[in-house]
Every structure is written in C-alpha cells, then in structure tokens.
C-alpha atoms as a PDB file:
ATOM      1  CA  UNK A   1     164.708 120.070 160.992  1.00  0.00           C
ATOM      2  CA  UNK A   2     167.734 119.504 158.753  1.00  0.00           C
ATOM      3  CA  UNK A   3     165.584 118.479 155.783  1.00  0.00           C
ATOM      4  CA  UNK A   4     163.477 121.661 156.098  1.00  0.00           C
ATOM      5  CA  UNK A   5     166.614 123.785 156.077  1.00  0.00           C
ATOM      6  CA  UNK A   6     167.942 121.924 153.027  1.00  0.00           C
ATOM      7  CA  UNK A   7     164.770 122.700 151.070  1.00  0.00           C
ATOM      8  CA  UNK A   8     164.989 126.389 151.970  1.00  0.00           C
ATOM      9  CA  UNK A   9     168.656 126.522 150.986  1.00  0.00           C
ATOM     10  CA  UNK A  10     167.877 124.868 147.641  1.00  0.00           C
ATOM     11  CA  UNK A  11     165.071 127.392 147.016  1.00  0.00           C
ATOM     12  CA  UNK A  12     167.403 130.308 147.841  1.00  0.00           C
ATOM     13  CA  UNK A  13     170.054 128.895 145.508  1.00  0.00           C
ATOM     14  CA  UNK A  14     167.585 128.787 142.607  1.00  0.00           C
ATOM     15  CA  UNK A  15     166.489 132.370 143.352  1.00  0.00           C
ATOM     16  CA  UNK A  16     170.111 133.517 143.318  1.00  0.00           C
ATOM     17  CA  UNK A  17     170.696 131.887 139.918  1.00  0.00           C
ATOM     18  CA  UNK A  18     167.681 133.698 138.479  1.00  0.00           C
ATOM     19  CA  UNK A  19     167.989 136.936 140.448  1.00  0.00           C
ATOM     20  CA  UNK A  20     167.497 139.185 137.379  1.00  0.00           C
ATOM     21  CA  UNK A  21     164.118 137.601 136.654  1.00  0.00           C
ATOM     22  CA  UNK A  22     163.119 137.922 140.324  1.00  0.00           C
ATOM     23  CA  UNK A  23     164.056 141.626 140.380  1.00  0.00           C
ATOM     24  CA  UNK A  24     162.178 142.268 137.128  1.00  0.00           C
ATOM     25  CA  UNK A  25     159.061 140.524 138.442  1.00  0.00           C
ATOM     26  CA  UNK A  26     159.068 142.794 141.487  1.00  0.00           C
ATOM     27  CA  UNK A  27     160.045 146.087 139.857  1.00  0.00           C
ATOM     28  CA  UNK A  28     158.423 146.080 136.395  1.00  0.00           C
ATOM     29  CA  UNK A  29     154.702 146.652 135.799  1.00  0.00           C
ATOM     30  CA  UNK A  30     154.372 144.016 133.040  1.00  0.00           C
ATOM     31  CA  UNK A  31     152.760 140.650 133.592  1.00  0.00           C
ATOM     32  CA  UNK A  32     151.955 137.614 131.472  1.00  0.00           C
ATOM     33  CA  UNK A  33     149.119 136.654 133.815  1.00  0.00           C
ATOM     34  CA  UNK A  34     146.401 137.146 131.198  1.00  0.00           C
ATOM     35  CA  UNK A  35     148.122 134.845 128.710  1.00  0.00           C
ATOM     36  CA  UNK A  36     148.820 132.232 131.390  1.00  0.00           C
ATOM     37  CA  UNK A  37     145.183 132.346 132.482  1.00  0.00           C
ATOM     38  CA  UNK A  38     143.933 131.708 128.951  1.00  0.00           C
ATOM     39  CA  UNK A  39     146.388 128.840 128.470  1.00  0.00           C
ATOM     40  CA  UNK A  40     145.287 127.339 131.789  1.00  0.00           C
ATOM     41  CA  UNK A  41     141.602 127.635 130.777  1.00  0.00           C
ATOM     42  CA  UNK A  42     142.209 125.929 127.428  1.00  0.00           C
ATOM     43  CA  UNK A  43     144.196 123.109 129.030  1.00  0.00           C
ATOM     44  CA  UNK A  44     141.458 122.580 131.623  1.00  0.00           C
ATOM     45  CA  UNK A  45     138.803 122.374 128.900  1.00  0.00           C
ATOM     46  CA  UNK A  46     140.936 119.963 126.900  1.00  0.00           C
ATOM     47  CA  UNK A  47     141.443 117.696 129.916  1.00  0.00           C
ATOM     48  CA  UNK A  48     137.754 117.826 130.838  1.00  0.00           C
ATOM     49  CA  UNK A  49     136.559 116.965 127.349  1.00  0.00           C
ATOM     50  CA  UNK A  50     139.307 114.669 126.057  1.00  0.00           C
ATOM     51  CA  UNK A  51     137.737 111.648 124.452  1.00  0.00           C
ATOM     52  CA  UNK A  52     134.198 112.737 125.316  1.00  0.00           C
ATOM     53  CA  UNK A  53     133.329 115.279 122.652  1.00  0.00           C
ATOM     54  CA  UNK A  54     133.577 115.751 118.941  1.00  0.00           C
ATOM     55  CA  UNK A  55     135.502 118.596 117.306  1.00  0.00           C
ATOM     56  CA  UNK A  56     132.413 120.831 117.002  1.00  0.00           C
ATOM     57  CA  UNK A  57     131.685 120.741 120.733  1.00  0.00           C
ATOM     58  CA  UNK A  58     135.358 121.354 121.521  1.00  0.00           C
ATOM     59  CA  UNK A  59     135.428 124.302 119.103  1.00  0.00           C
ATOM     60  CA  UNK A  60     132.256 125.810 120.590  1.00  0.00           C
ATOM     61  CA  UNK A  61     133.622 125.510 124.137  1.00  0.00           C
ATOM     62  CA  UNK A  62     137.047 126.996 123.340  1.00  0.00           C
ATOM     63  CA  UNK A  63     136.265 129.786 120.893  1.00  0.00           C
ATOM     64  CA  UNK A  64     134.194 132.791 121.984  1.00  0.00           C
ATOM     65  CA  UNK A  65     131.082 133.680 120.031  1.00  0.00           C
ATOM     66  CA  UNK A  66     131.171 137.144 118.418  1.00  0.00           C
ATOM     67  CA  UNK A  67     127.677 137.563 116.983  1.00  0.00           C
ATOM     68  CA  UNK A  68     127.936 141.363 116.885  1.00  0.00           C
ATOM     69  CA  UNK A  69     130.868 141.267 114.443  1.00  0.00           C
ATOM     70  CA  UNK A  70     129.025 138.936 112.080  1.00  0.00           C
ATOM     71  CA  UNK A  71     125.979 141.263 111.879  1.00  0.00           C
ATOM     72  CA  UNK A  72     127.961 144.388 110.972  1.00  0.00           C
ATOM     73  CA  UNK A  73     128.196 145.278 107.255  1.00  0.00           C
ATOM     74  CA  UNK A  74     131.657 145.482 105.705  1.00  0.00           C
END
C-alpha cells in the first residue's frame, strides 16, 4: 500500500511542477496530436523496415503519392 501511495505522490509532485502546461492542455483548444501521430507513423515504418528495404522502398512507404499535382499544367 505504501509503494502505491508513493507513486501517486510522485505523480502529483510532477504535475505541480508543470501546472501551467497542465492548465493549458485542459483550457486551450490547440493540440499537437496531428504532428505526434505523423511522427509516430514514421518511426513505426522505420522500425518495421530497418535493414530490410532499400532507400526507394522506404521513400515510397513514407512519402504520399500526389499524382493529381503532377498532371496539372503550370
């Protein structure tokens, strides 16, 4: 029981140190979730393909294909 309470107290202490960030996360409408999701996706692809694929396969898996943009005249 004492060890569980210690972990909760440590967590509360960290929250108190960073209370401005906690308040902003609750009150403000902004989020970096989209950026974090893309970073997570790229890291997952890198881990899955590390050492197993050449640069062309890596590039094709990580970069989206925009065929519509290529077909439009300048």
